[in-house]
Amino acid sequence: MSLWEAALLGVVQGLTEFLPISSTAHLLIVQKLLHPDQDAKDNPFTVVVQLGTLVAVLVYFWKDIYTLTRAVLNETLARRFAASPESRMAWLIVLGTIPVVVVGGLFHKWLKATFYNVPAMAWVAIAFALLMAAAELWARWRPPTVEESKLRWPHALWIGLWQALALMPGASRSGSTISAGLFAGLPRAAAARFSFLLSLPAIFAAGVKELYDETKKPHGLFQSSDDLLALAVGLAVSAVVGYLSIVVLLRFLKRYSMFAFIVYRLVLGVGLLVLLSQGYFSTK
């Protein structure tokens, strides 16, 4: 992979990981455009480059992460469990991560075989755009009733189940979890904030697993210094762009709804179906 391709994929990852438009779908589409004959679902770069956006979340929320971690450690030493709001939030993130770990572990191969193709991504993008629209309408009909400090176990599990649905390219992890938060009664900005914190374990686990798998392949990502440099460029670019995306989206959601992203997703899905009908993409 050339450096400019790595940088381009880093920009795409950084922009789309936190915007509710599906990073995986955009990465796979860009891969298809760059290399039409290459099977994009077998390219580990699209998974490993997510670690760059993990760095973005760590940097942006470092104070929160430090506070949550310290609270858990202090309570563990004191033999207490979820006694403080900070410790409870940390355990809520753990609980919310369980569904994506279970579904990803059990159905990883099936998900790749079924949904990592352009037709499936197009229909999933459209379907989840409609679900996001329903969440926004729900939030307008029933104003927020649950503050971030009032999040409980059922809320975290509910949002975690929606995060598991985002294993389908086109669904969008942030779009799914923010929508789940709106359905649960969270304010839009609080739903986005919990969504970003919830992304930490999932992105870390997926990226580290892919890195480990690559070390065992004879022709993986680490076969030459050029490959390593391309990976480093992709990670660095995705980290910087991802950080800026978090800043912009959190400010945006304090004032506006997700309808602009919903329209974009509908246009994307319909556009892909049109291009498919004209033979610009293969159905695989």
C-alpha atoms as a PDB file:
ATOM      1  CA  MET A   1       0.000   0.000   0.000  1.00  0.00           C
ATOM      2  CA  SER A   2       1.332   3.414  -0.958  1.00  0.00           C
ATOM      3  CA  LEU A   3       1.658   6.218   1.569  1.00  0.00           C
ATOM      4  CA  TRP A   4      -0.997   8.344  -0.118  1.00  0.00           C
ATOM      5  CA  GLU A   5      -3.468   5.430   0.013  1.00  0.00           C
ATOM      6  CA  ALA A   6      -2.694   4.903   3.689  1.00  0.00           C
ATOM      7  CA  ALA A   7      -3.193   8.615   4.376  1.00  0.00           C
ATOM      8  CA  LEU A   8      -6.476   8.634   2.418  1.00  0.00           C
ATOM      9  CA  LEU A   9      -7.807   5.645   4.348  1.00  0.00           C
ATOM     10  CA  GLY A  10      -6.687   7.340   7.578  1.00  0.00           C
ATOM     11  CA  VAL A  11      -8.708  10.445   6.665  1.00  0.00           C
ATOM     12  CA  VAL A  12     -11.746   8.318   5.798  1.00  0.00           C
ATOM     13  CA  GLN A  13     -11.462   6.375   9.060  1.00  0.00           C
ATOM     14  CA  GLY A  14     -10.989   9.488  11.164  1.00  0.00           C
ATOM     15  CA  LEU A  15     -13.928  11.289   9.576  1.00  0.00           C
ATOM     16  CA  THR A  16     -16.393   8.411   9.574  1.00  0.00           C
ATOM     17  CA  GLU A  17     -15.656   6.532  12.822  1.00  0.00           C
ATOM     18  CA  PHE A  18     -17.460   9.087  14.955  1.00  0.00           C
ATOM     19  CA  LEU A  19     -19.786  10.709  12.428  1.00  0.00           C
ATOM     20  CA  PRO A  20     -22.886   8.483  12.253  1.00  0.00           C
ATOM     21  CA  ILE A  21     -22.295   7.338   8.670  1.00  0.00           C
ATOM     22  CA  SER A  22     -20.333   4.048   9.095  1.00  0.00           C
ATOM     23  CA  SER A  23     -16.547   3.998   8.908  1.00  0.00           C
ATOM     24  CA  THR A  24     -16.328   0.366   7.797  1.00  0.00           C
ATOM     25  CA  ALA A  25     -18.654   0.917   4.832  1.00  0.00           C
ATOM     26  CA  HIS A  26     -16.727   3.989   3.676  1.00  0.00           C
ATOM     27  CA  LEU A  27     -13.369   2.253   4.046  1.00  0.00           C
ATOM     28  CA  LEU A  28     -14.584  -0.742   2.047  1.00  0.00           C
ATOM     29  CA  ILE A  29     -16.082   1.494  -0.659  1.00  0.00           C
ATOM     30  CA  VAL A  30     -12.856   3.498  -0.984  1.00  0.00           C
ATOM     31  CA  GLN A  31     -10.904   0.223  -1.141  1.00  0.00           C
ATOM     32  CA  LYS A  32     -13.204  -0.949  -3.933  1.00  0.00           C
ATOM     33  CA  LEU A  33     -12.682   2.278  -5.851  1.00  0.00           C
ATOM     34  CA  LEU A  34      -8.903   2.073  -5.461  1.00  0.00           C
ATOM     35  CA  HIS A  35      -8.644  -1.656  -6.187  1.00  0.00           C
ATOM     36  CA  PRO A  36     -11.798  -2.969  -7.903  1.00  0.00           C
ATOM     37  CA  ASP A  37     -10.463  -6.516  -8.189  1.00  0.00           C
ATOM     38  CA  GLN A  38      -9.325  -6.781  -4.582  1.00  0.00           C
ATOM     39  CA  ASP A  39     -11.518  -8.457  -1.973  1.00  0.00           C
ATOM     40  CA  ALA A  40     -11.865  -5.552   0.481  1.00  0.00           C
ATOM     41  CA  LYS A  41     -13.205  -7.684   3.328  1.00  0.00           C
ATOM     42  CA  ASP A  42      -9.884  -9.498   3.545  1.00  0.00           C
ATOM     43  CA  ASN A  43      -7.838  -6.317   3.990  1.00  0.00           C
ATOM     44  CA  PRO A  44      -6.818  -6.085   7.676  1.00  0.00           C
ATOM     45  CA  PHE A  45      -5.675  -2.478   7.252  1.00  0.00           C
ATOM     46  CA  THR A  46      -9.299  -1.317   7.482  1.00  0.00           C
ATOM     47  CA  VAL A  47      -9.541  -2.837  10.977  1.00  0.00           C
ATOM     48  CA  VAL A  48      -6.102  -1.962  12.311  1.00  0.00           C
ATOM     49  CA  VAL A  49      -6.407   1.693  11.236  1.00  0.00           C
ATOM     50  CA  GLN A  50      -9.252   1.982  13.780  1.00  0.00           C
ATOM     51  CA  LEU A  51      -6.583   2.038  16.480  1.00  0.00           C
ATOM     52  CA  GLY A  52      -5.785   5.572  15.336  1.00  0.00           C
ATOM     53  CA  THR A  53      -9.289   6.690  16.267  1.00  0.00           C
ATOM     54  CA  LEU A  54      -8.881   4.849  19.562  1.00  0.00           C
ATOM     55  CA  VAL A  55      -5.985   7.222  20.281  1.00  0.00           C
ATOM     56  CA  ALA A  56      -8.282  10.140  19.420  1.00  0.00           C
ATOM     57  CA  VAL A  57     -10.836   9.029  22.032  1.00  0.00           C
ATOM     58  CA  LEU A  58      -8.123   8.436  24.630  1.00  0.00           C
ATOM     59  CA  VAL A  59      -6.683  11.921  24.113  1.00  0.00           C
ATOM     60  CA  TYR A  60     -10.031  13.711  24.054  1.00  0.00           C
ATOM     61  CA  PHE A  61     -11.484  11.899  27.076  1.00  0.00           C
ATOM     62  CA  TRP A  62      -8.256  11.304  29.008  1.00  0.00           C
ATOM     63  CA  LYS A  63      -9.528  13.082  32.141  1.00  0.00           C
ATOM     64  CA  ASP A  64     -12.724  11.028  32.155  1.00  0.00           C
ATOM     65  CA  ILE A  65     -10.826   7.796  31.527  1.00  0.00           C
ATOM     66  CA  TYR A  66      -8.394   8.587  34.340  1.00  0.00           C
ATOM     67  CA  THR A  67     -11.270   9.372  36.725  1.00  0.00           C
ATOM     68  CA  LEU A  68     -13.200   6.218  35.838  1.00  0.00           C
ATOM     69  CA  THR A  69     -10.132   3.991  36.107  1.00  0.00           C
ATOM     70  CA  ARG A  70      -9.084   5.474  39.450  1.00  0.00           C
ATOM     71  CA  ALA A  71     -12.584   5.022  40.835  1.00  0.00           C
ATOM     72  CA  VAL A  72     -12.676   1.340  39.861  1.00  0.00           C
ATOM     73  CA  LEU A  73      -9.214   0.671  41.310  1.00  0.00           C
ATOM     74  CA  ASN A  74     -10.006   2.459  44.580  1.00  0.00           C
ATOM     75  CA  GLU A  75     -13.280   0.601  45.021  1.00  0.00           C
ATOM     76  CA  THR A  76     -11.671  -2.728  44.126  1.00  0.00           C
ATOM     77  CA  LEU A  77      -9.077  -2.187  46.839  1.00  0.00           C
ATOM     78  CA  ALA A  78     -11.857  -1.228  49.248  1.00  0.00           C
ATOM     79  CA  ARG A  79     -13.872  -4.319  48.180  1.00  0.00           C
ATOM     80  CA  ARG A  80     -16.746  -2.270  46.905  1.00  0.00           C
ATOM     81  CA  PHE A  81     -18.557  -2.446  43.580  1.00  0.00           C
ATOM     82  CA  ALA A  82     -20.074   0.453  41.610  1.00  0.00           C
ATOM     83  CA  ALA A  83     -20.500   2.535  44.757  1.00  0.00           C
ATOM     84  CA  SER A  84     -19.594   5.865  43.158  1.00  0.00           C
ATOM     85  CA  PRO A  85     -21.007   7.461  39.978  1.00  0.00           C
ATOM     86  CA  GLU A  86     -17.578   7.216  38.328  1.00  0.00           C
ATOM     87  CA  SER A  87     -17.114   3.541  39.129  1.00  0.00           C
ATOM     88  CA  ARG A  88     -20.671   2.779  38.061  1.00  0.00           C
ATOM     89  CA  MET A  89     -20.076   4.481  34.710  1.00  0.00           C
ATOM     90  CA  ALA A  90     -16.966   2.365  34.146  1.00  0.00           C
ATOM     91  CA  TRP A  91     -18.891  -0.841  34.813  1.00  0.00           C
ATOM     92  CA  LEU A  92     -21.718   0.353  32.571  1.00  0.00           C
ATOM     93  CA  ILE A  93     -19.172   0.622  29.754  1.00  0.00           C
ATOM     94  CA  VAL A  94     -17.994  -2.922  30.496  1.00  0.00           C
ATOM     95  CA  LEU A  95     -21.581  -4.210  30.434  1.00  0.00           C
ATOM     96  CA  GLY A  96     -22.344  -2.332  27.223  1.00  0.00           C
ATOM     97  CA  THR A  97     -19.328  -3.935  25.558  1.00  0.00           C
ATOM     98  CA  ILE A  98     -20.399  -7.529  26.232  1.00  0.00           C
ATOM     99  CA  PRO A  99     -22.939  -7.793  23.367  1.00  0.00           C
ATOM    100  CA  VAL A 100     -20.471  -6.715  20.667  1.00  0.00           C
ATOM    101  CA  VAL A 101     -17.835  -9.108  22.013  1.00  0.00           C
ATOM    102  CA  VAL A 102     -20.262 -12.042  22.048  1.00  0.00           C
ATOM    103  CA  VAL A 103     -21.791 -11.315  18.637  1.00  0.00           C
ATOM    104  CA  GLY A 104     -18.424 -10.504  17.059  1.00  0.00           C
ATOM    105  CA  GLY A 105     -16.840 -13.639  18.479  1.00  0.00           C
ATOM    106  CA  LEU A 106     -19.645 -16.009  17.489  1.00  0.00           C
ATOM    107  CA  PHE A 107     -20.648 -14.561  14.120  1.00  0.00           C
ATOM    108  CA  HIS A 108     -17.462 -12.925  12.798  1.00  0.00           C
ATOM    109  CA  LYS A 109     -17.115 -15.154   9.727  1.00  0.00           C
ATOM    110  CA  TRP A 110     -20.835 -15.069   8.946  1.00  0.00           C
ATOM    111  CA  LEU A 111     -20.942 -11.270   9.204  1.00  0.00           C
ATOM    112  CA  LYS A 112     -18.032 -10.906   6.800  1.00  0.00           C
ATOM    113  CA  ALA A 113     -19.472 -13.403   4.337  1.00  0.00           C
ATOM    114  CA  THR A 114     -22.940 -11.835   4.444  1.00  0.00           C
ATOM    115  CA  PHE A 115     -22.530  -8.081   4.864  1.00  0.00           C
ATOM    116  CA  TYR A 116     -19.079  -7.150   3.545  1.00  0.00           C
ATOM    117  CA  ASN A 117     -20.294  -6.408   0.037  1.00  0.00           C
ATOM    118  CA  VAL A 118     -21.672  -3.309  -1.664  1.00  0.00           C
ATOM    119  CA  PRO A 119     -25.340  -4.395  -2.002  1.00  0.00           C
ATOM    120  CA  ALA A 120     -25.582  -5.314   1.686  1.00  0.00           C
ATOM    121  CA  MET A 121     -23.847  -2.085   2.759  1.00  0.00           C
ATOM    122  CA  ALA A 122     -26.277  -0.036   0.663  1.00  0.00           C
ATOM    123  CA  TRP A 123     -29.388  -1.641   2.164  1.00  0.00           C
ATOM    124  CA  VAL A 124     -28.002  -1.533   5.712  1.00  0.00           C
ATOM    125  CA  ALA A 125     -27.135   2.168   5.298  1.00  0.00           C
ATOM    126  CA  ILE A 126     -30.720   2.879   4.229  1.00  0.00           C
ATOM    127  CA  ALA A 127     -32.279   0.725   6.968  1.00  0.00           C
ATOM    128  CA  PHE A 128     -30.258   2.349   9.737  1.00  0.00           C
ATOM    129  CA  ALA A 129     -30.909   5.809   8.334  1.00  0.00           C
ATOM    130  CA  LEU A 130     -34.600   5.099   8.884  1.00  0.00           C
ATOM    131  CA  LEU A 131     -33.886   3.813  12.409  1.00  0.00           C
ATOM    132  CA  MET A 132     -31.897   6.974  13.177  1.00  0.00           C
ATOM    133  CA  ALA A 133     -34.786   9.065  11.864  1.00  0.00           C
ATOM    134  CA  ALA A 134     -37.169   7.145  14.131  1.00  0.00           C
ATOM    135  CA  ALA A 135     -34.858   7.832  17.105  1.00  0.00           C
ATOM    136  CA  GLU A 136     -34.795  11.560  16.322  1.00  0.00           C
ATOM    137  CA  LEU A 137     -38.592  11.680  16.001  1.00  0.00           C
ATOM    138  CA  TRP A 138     -38.886   9.760  19.274  1.00  0.00           C
ATOM    139  CA  ALA A 139     -36.596  12.280  20.989  1.00  0.00           C
ATOM    140  CA  ARG A 140     -38.758  15.148  19.720  1.00  0.00           C
ATOM    141  CA  TRP A 141     -41.960  13.459  20.826  1.00  0.00           C
ATOM    142  CA  ARG A 142     -40.571  12.490  24.233  1.00  0.00           C
ATOM    143  CA  PRO A 143     -37.992  14.994  25.529  1.00  0.00           C
ATOM    144  CA  PRO A 144     -34.946  13.567  27.390  1.00  0.00           C
ATOM    145  CA  THR A 145     -35.742  12.055  30.769  1.00  0.00           C
ATOM    146  CA  VAL A 146     -32.425  10.395  31.673  1.00  0.00           C
ATOM    147  CA  GLU A 147     -29.324  12.433  32.505  1.00  0.00           C
ATOM    148  CA  GLU A 148     -25.908  10.866  31.979  1.00  0.00           C
ATOM    149  CA  SER A 149     -25.451  10.509  35.743  1.00  0.00           C
ATOM    150  CA  LYS A 150     -28.716   8.530  35.904  1.00  0.00           C
ATOM    151  CA  LEU A 151     -27.674   5.834  33.449  1.00  0.00           C
ATOM    152  CA  ARG A 152     -28.391   2.346  34.767  1.00  0.00           C
ATOM    153  CA  TRP A 153     -27.624  -1.259  33.784  1.00  0.00           C
ATOM    154  CA  PRO A 154     -30.625  -1.693  31.433  1.00  0.00           C
ATOM    155  CA  HIS A 155     -29.635   1.485  29.556  1.00  0.00           C
ATOM    156  CA  ALA A 156     -26.057   0.283  29.066  1.00  0.00           C
ATOM    157  CA  LEU A 157     -27.146  -3.178  27.907  1.00  0.00           C
ATOM    158  CA  TRP A 158     -29.695  -1.653  25.519  1.00  0.00           C
ATOM    159  CA  ILE A 159     -27.090   0.647  23.951  1.00  0.00           C
ATOM    160  CA  GLY A 160     -24.583  -2.221  23.865  1.00  0.00           C
ATOM    161  CA  LEU A 161     -27.021  -4.368  21.876  1.00  0.00           C
ATOM    162  CA  TRP A 162     -27.288  -1.610  19.294  1.00  0.00           C
ATOM    163  CA  GLN A 163     -23.502  -1.410  19.155  1.00  0.00           C
ATOM    164  CA  ALA A 164     -23.466  -5.101  18.251  1.00  0.00           C
ATOM    165  CA  LEU A 165     -25.799  -4.365  15.324  1.00  0.00           C
ATOM    166  CA  ALA A 166     -23.164  -1.963  14.009  1.00  0.00           C
ATOM    167  CA  LEU A 167     -20.919  -4.920  13.172  1.00  0.00           C
ATOM    168  CA  MET A 168     -22.768  -4.777   9.856  1.00  0.00           C
ATOM    169  CA  PRO A 169     -20.968  -2.315   7.548  1.00  0.00           C
ATOM    170  CA  GLY A 170     -23.290   0.564   6.778  1.00  0.00           C
ATOM    171  CA  ALA A 171     -24.942   0.568  10.198  1.00  0.00           C
ATOM    172  CA  SER A 172     -22.463   2.929  11.953  1.00  0.00           C
ATOM    173  CA  ARG A 173     -21.406   2.238  15.517  1.00  0.00           C
ATOM    174  CA  SER A 174     -21.830   5.837  16.609  1.00  0.00           C
ATOM    175  CA  GLY A 175     -25.129   6.241  14.749  1.00  0.00           C
ATOM    176  CA  SER A 176     -26.508   3.052  16.269  1.00  0.00           C
ATOM    177  CA  THR A 177     -25.459   3.786  19.836  1.00  0.00           C
ATOM    178  CA  ILE A 178     -26.512   7.440  19.739  1.00  0.00           C
ATOM    179  CA  SER A 179     -29.915   6.342  18.393  1.00  0.00           C
ATOM    180  CA  ALA A 180     -30.183   3.786  21.183  1.00  0.00           C
ATOM    181  CA  GLY A 181     -29.374   6.522  23.678  1.00  0.00           C
ATOM    182  CA  LEU A 182     -32.129   8.729  22.264  1.00  0.00           C
ATOM    183  CA  PHE A 183     -34.623   5.865  22.489  1.00  0.00           C
ATOM    184  CA  ALA A 184     -33.504   5.355  26.109  1.00  0.00           C
ATOM    185  CA  GLY A 185     -34.270   8.989  26.939  1.00  0.00           C
ATOM    186  CA  LEU A 186     -30.755  10.491  26.949  1.00  0.00           C
ATOM    187  CA  PRO A 187     -30.070  14.011  25.669  1.00  0.00           C
ATOM    188  CA  ARG A 188     -28.371  13.907  22.276  1.00  0.00           C
ATOM    189  CA  ALA A 189     -24.968  15.183  23.478  1.00  0.00           C
ATOM    190  CA  ALA A 190     -24.951  12.767  26.443  1.00  0.00           C
ATOM    191  CA  ALA A 191     -25.841   9.882  24.144  1.00  0.00           C
ATOM    192  CA  ALA A 192     -22.906  10.808  21.895  1.00  0.00           C
ATOM    193  CA  ARG A 193     -20.527  11.090  24.831  1.00  0.00           C
ATOM    194  CA  PHE A 194     -21.476   7.654  26.172  1.00  0.00           C
ATOM    195  CA  SER A 195     -21.209   6.302  22.630  1.00  0.00           C
ATOM    196  CA  PHE A 196     -17.612   7.496  22.327  1.00  0.00           C
ATOM    197  CA  LEU A 197     -16.600   6.097  25.712  1.00  0.00           C
ATOM    198  CA  LEU A 198     -18.309   2.806  24.851  1.00  0.00           C
ATOM    199  CA  SER A 199     -16.250   2.623  21.665  1.00  0.00           C
ATOM    200  CA  LEU A 200     -12.962   2.299  23.579  1.00  0.00           C
ATOM    201  CA  PRO A 201     -13.055  -1.419  24.462  1.00  0.00           C
ATOM    202  CA  ALA A 202     -14.623  -2.439  21.129  1.00  0.00           C
ATOM    203  CA  ILE A 203     -12.111  -0.587  18.932  1.00  0.00           C
ATOM    204  CA  PHE A 204      -9.199  -1.743  21.099  1.00  0.00           C
ATOM    205  CA  ALA A 205     -10.262  -5.398  21.007  1.00  0.00           C
ATOM    206  CA  ALA A 206     -10.900  -5.439  17.245  1.00  0.00           C
ATOM    207  CA  GLY A 207      -7.655  -3.655  16.389  1.00  0.00           C
ATOM    208  CA  VAL A 208      -5.434  -5.697  18.713  1.00  0.00           C
ATOM    209  CA  LYS A 209      -6.968  -8.984  17.527  1.00  0.00           C
ATOM    210  CA  GLU A 210      -6.330  -8.042  13.899  1.00  0.00           C
ATOM    211  CA  LEU A 211      -2.758  -7.030  14.721  1.00  0.00           C
ATOM    212  CA  TYR A 212      -2.173 -10.351  16.473  1.00  0.00           C
ATOM    213  CA  ASP A 213      -3.643 -12.288  13.550  1.00  0.00           C
ATOM    214  CA  GLU A 214      -1.382 -10.423  11.142  1.00  0.00           C
ATOM    215  CA  THR A 215       1.751 -11.447  13.027  1.00  0.00           C
ATOM    216  CA  LYS A 216       0.920 -15.094  12.243  1.00  0.00           C
ATOM    217  CA  LYS A 217       0.383 -14.600   8.488  1.00  0.00           C
ATOM    218  CA  PRO A 218       3.225 -15.119   6.019  1.00  0.00           C
ATOM    219  CA  HIS A 219       2.090 -12.123   3.953  1.00  0.00           C
ATOM    220  CA  GLY A 220       0.558  -9.797   6.524  1.00  0.00           C
ATOM    221  CA  LEU A 221       0.915  -6.118   7.308  1.00  0.00           C
ATOM    222  CA  PHE A 222       4.394  -6.424   8.788  1.00  0.00           C
ATOM    223  CA  GLN A 223       6.372  -7.903   5.926  1.00  0.00           C
ATOM    224  CA  SER A 224       8.416  -4.826   5.010  1.00  0.00           C
ATOM    225  CA  SER A 225       9.436  -1.438   6.303  1.00  0.00           C
ATOM    226  CA  ASP A 226       7.234   0.149   3.624  1.00  0.00           C
ATOM    227  CA  ASP A 227       4.189  -1.689   4.993  1.00  0.00           C
ATOM    228  CA  LEU A 228       4.979  -0.565   8.516  1.00  0.00           C
ATOM    229  CA  LEU A 229       5.453   3.029   7.377  1.00  0.00           C
ATOM    230  CA  ALA A 230       2.117   2.981   5.521  1.00  0.00           C
ATOM    231  CA  LEU A 231       0.408   1.606   8.632  1.00  0.00           C
ATOM    232  CA  ALA A 232       2.022   4.284  10.815  1.00  0.00           C
ATOM    233  CA  VAL A 233       0.864   7.024   8.415  1.00  0.00           C
ATOM    234  CA  GLY A 234      -2.690   5.653   8.360  1.00  0.00           C
ATOM    235  CA  LEU A 235      -2.816   5.443  12.159  1.00  0.00           C
ATOM    236  CA  ALA A 236      -1.416   8.957  12.655  1.00  0.00           C
ATOM    237  CA  VAL A 237      -3.795  10.542  10.141  1.00  0.00           C
ATOM    238  CA  SER A 238      -6.834   8.724  11.518  1.00  0.00           C
ATOM    239  CA  ALA A 239      -5.900   9.827  15.065  1.00  0.00           C
ATOM    240  CA  VAL A 240      -5.676  13.524  14.151  1.00  0.00           C
ATOM    241  CA  VAL A 241      -8.767  13.559  11.938  1.00  0.00           C
ATOM    242  CA  GLY A 242     -10.676  11.434  14.467  1.00  0.00           C
ATOM    243  CA  TYR A 243      -9.938  13.898  17.268  1.00  0.00           C
ATOM    244  CA  LEU A 244     -11.222  16.791  15.169  1.00  0.00           C
ATOM    245  CA  SER A 245     -14.329  14.759  14.297  1.00  0.00           C
ATOM    246  CA  ILE A 246     -15.117  14.218  17.987  1.00  0.00           C
ATOM    247  CA  VAL A 247     -14.792  17.945  18.694  1.00  0.00           C
ATOM    248  CA  VAL A 248     -17.012  18.914  15.762  1.00  0.00           C
ATOM    249  CA  LEU A 249     -19.685  16.253  16.341  1.00  0.00           C
ATOM    250  CA  LEU A 250     -20.114  16.922  20.061  1.00  0.00           C
ATOM    251  CA  ARG A 251     -20.531  20.631  19.382  1.00  0.00           C
ATOM    252  CA  PHE A 252     -22.880  19.922  16.485  1.00  0.00           C
ATOM    253  CA  LEU A 253     -25.145  17.602  18.481  1.00  0.00           C
ATOM    254  CA  LYS A 254     -25.567  20.165  21.249  1.00  0.00           C
ATOM    255  CA  ARG A 255     -27.451  22.367  18.769  1.00  0.00           C
ATOM    256  CA  TYR A 256     -28.658  20.162  15.941  1.00  0.00           C
ATOM    257  CA  SER A 257     -30.213  16.758  15.268  1.00  0.00           C
ATOM    258  CA  MET A 258     -28.751  13.908  13.191  1.00  0.00           C
ATOM    259  CA  PHE A 259     -31.068  14.550  10.227  1.00  0.00           C
ATOM    260  CA  ALA A 260     -28.240  15.865   8.035  1.00  0.00           C
ATOM    261  CA  PHE A 261     -26.421  12.548   8.489  1.00  0.00           C
ATOM    262  CA  ILE A 262     -29.662  10.639   7.910  1.00  0.00           C
ATOM    263  CA  VAL A 263     -30.110  12.349   4.540  1.00  0.00           C
ATOM    264  CA  TYR A 264     -26.481  11.632   3.667  1.00  0.00           C
ATOM    265  CA  ARG A 265     -26.918   7.943   4.512  1.00  0.00           C
ATOM    266  CA  LEU A 266     -30.039   7.694   2.361  1.00  0.00           C
ATOM    267  CA  VAL A 267     -28.257   9.354  -0.560  1.00  0.00           C
ATOM    268  CA  LEU A 268     -25.271   7.041  -0.038  1.00  0.00           C
ATOM    269  CA  GLY A 269     -27.397   3.897   0.052  1.00  0.00           C
ATOM    270  CA  VAL A 270     -29.517   4.819  -2.952  1.00  0.00           C
ATOM    271  CA  GLY A 271     -26.432   6.022  -4.838  1.00  0.00           C
ATOM    272  CA  LEU A 272     -24.675   2.712  -4.281  1.00  0.00           C
ATOM    273  CA  LEU A 273     -27.726   0.804  -5.518  1.00  0.00           C
ATOM    274  CA  VAL A 274     -27.824   2.964  -8.656  1.00  0.00           C
ATOM    275  CA  LEU A 275     -24.115   2.419  -9.289  1.00  0.00           C
ATOM    276  CA  LEU A 276     -24.605  -1.302  -8.785  1.00  0.00           C
ATOM    277  CA  SER A 277     -27.404  -1.340 -11.342  1.00  0.00           C
ATOM    278  CA  GLN A 278     -25.072   0.390 -13.813  1.00  0.00           C
ATOM    279  CA  GLY A 279     -22.289  -2.122 -13.209  1.00  0.00           C
ATOM    280  CA  TYR A 280     -19.859   0.209 -11.440  1.00  0.00           C
ATOM    281  CA  PHE A 281     -19.515  -2.186  -8.512  1.00  0.00           C
ATOM    282  CA  SER A 282     -19.571  -5.953  -8.371  1.00  0.00           C
ATOM    283  CA  THR A 283     -22.173  -7.623  -6.175  1.00  0.00           C
ATOM    284  CA  LYS A 284     -19.435  -9.344  -4.157  1.00  0.00           C
END
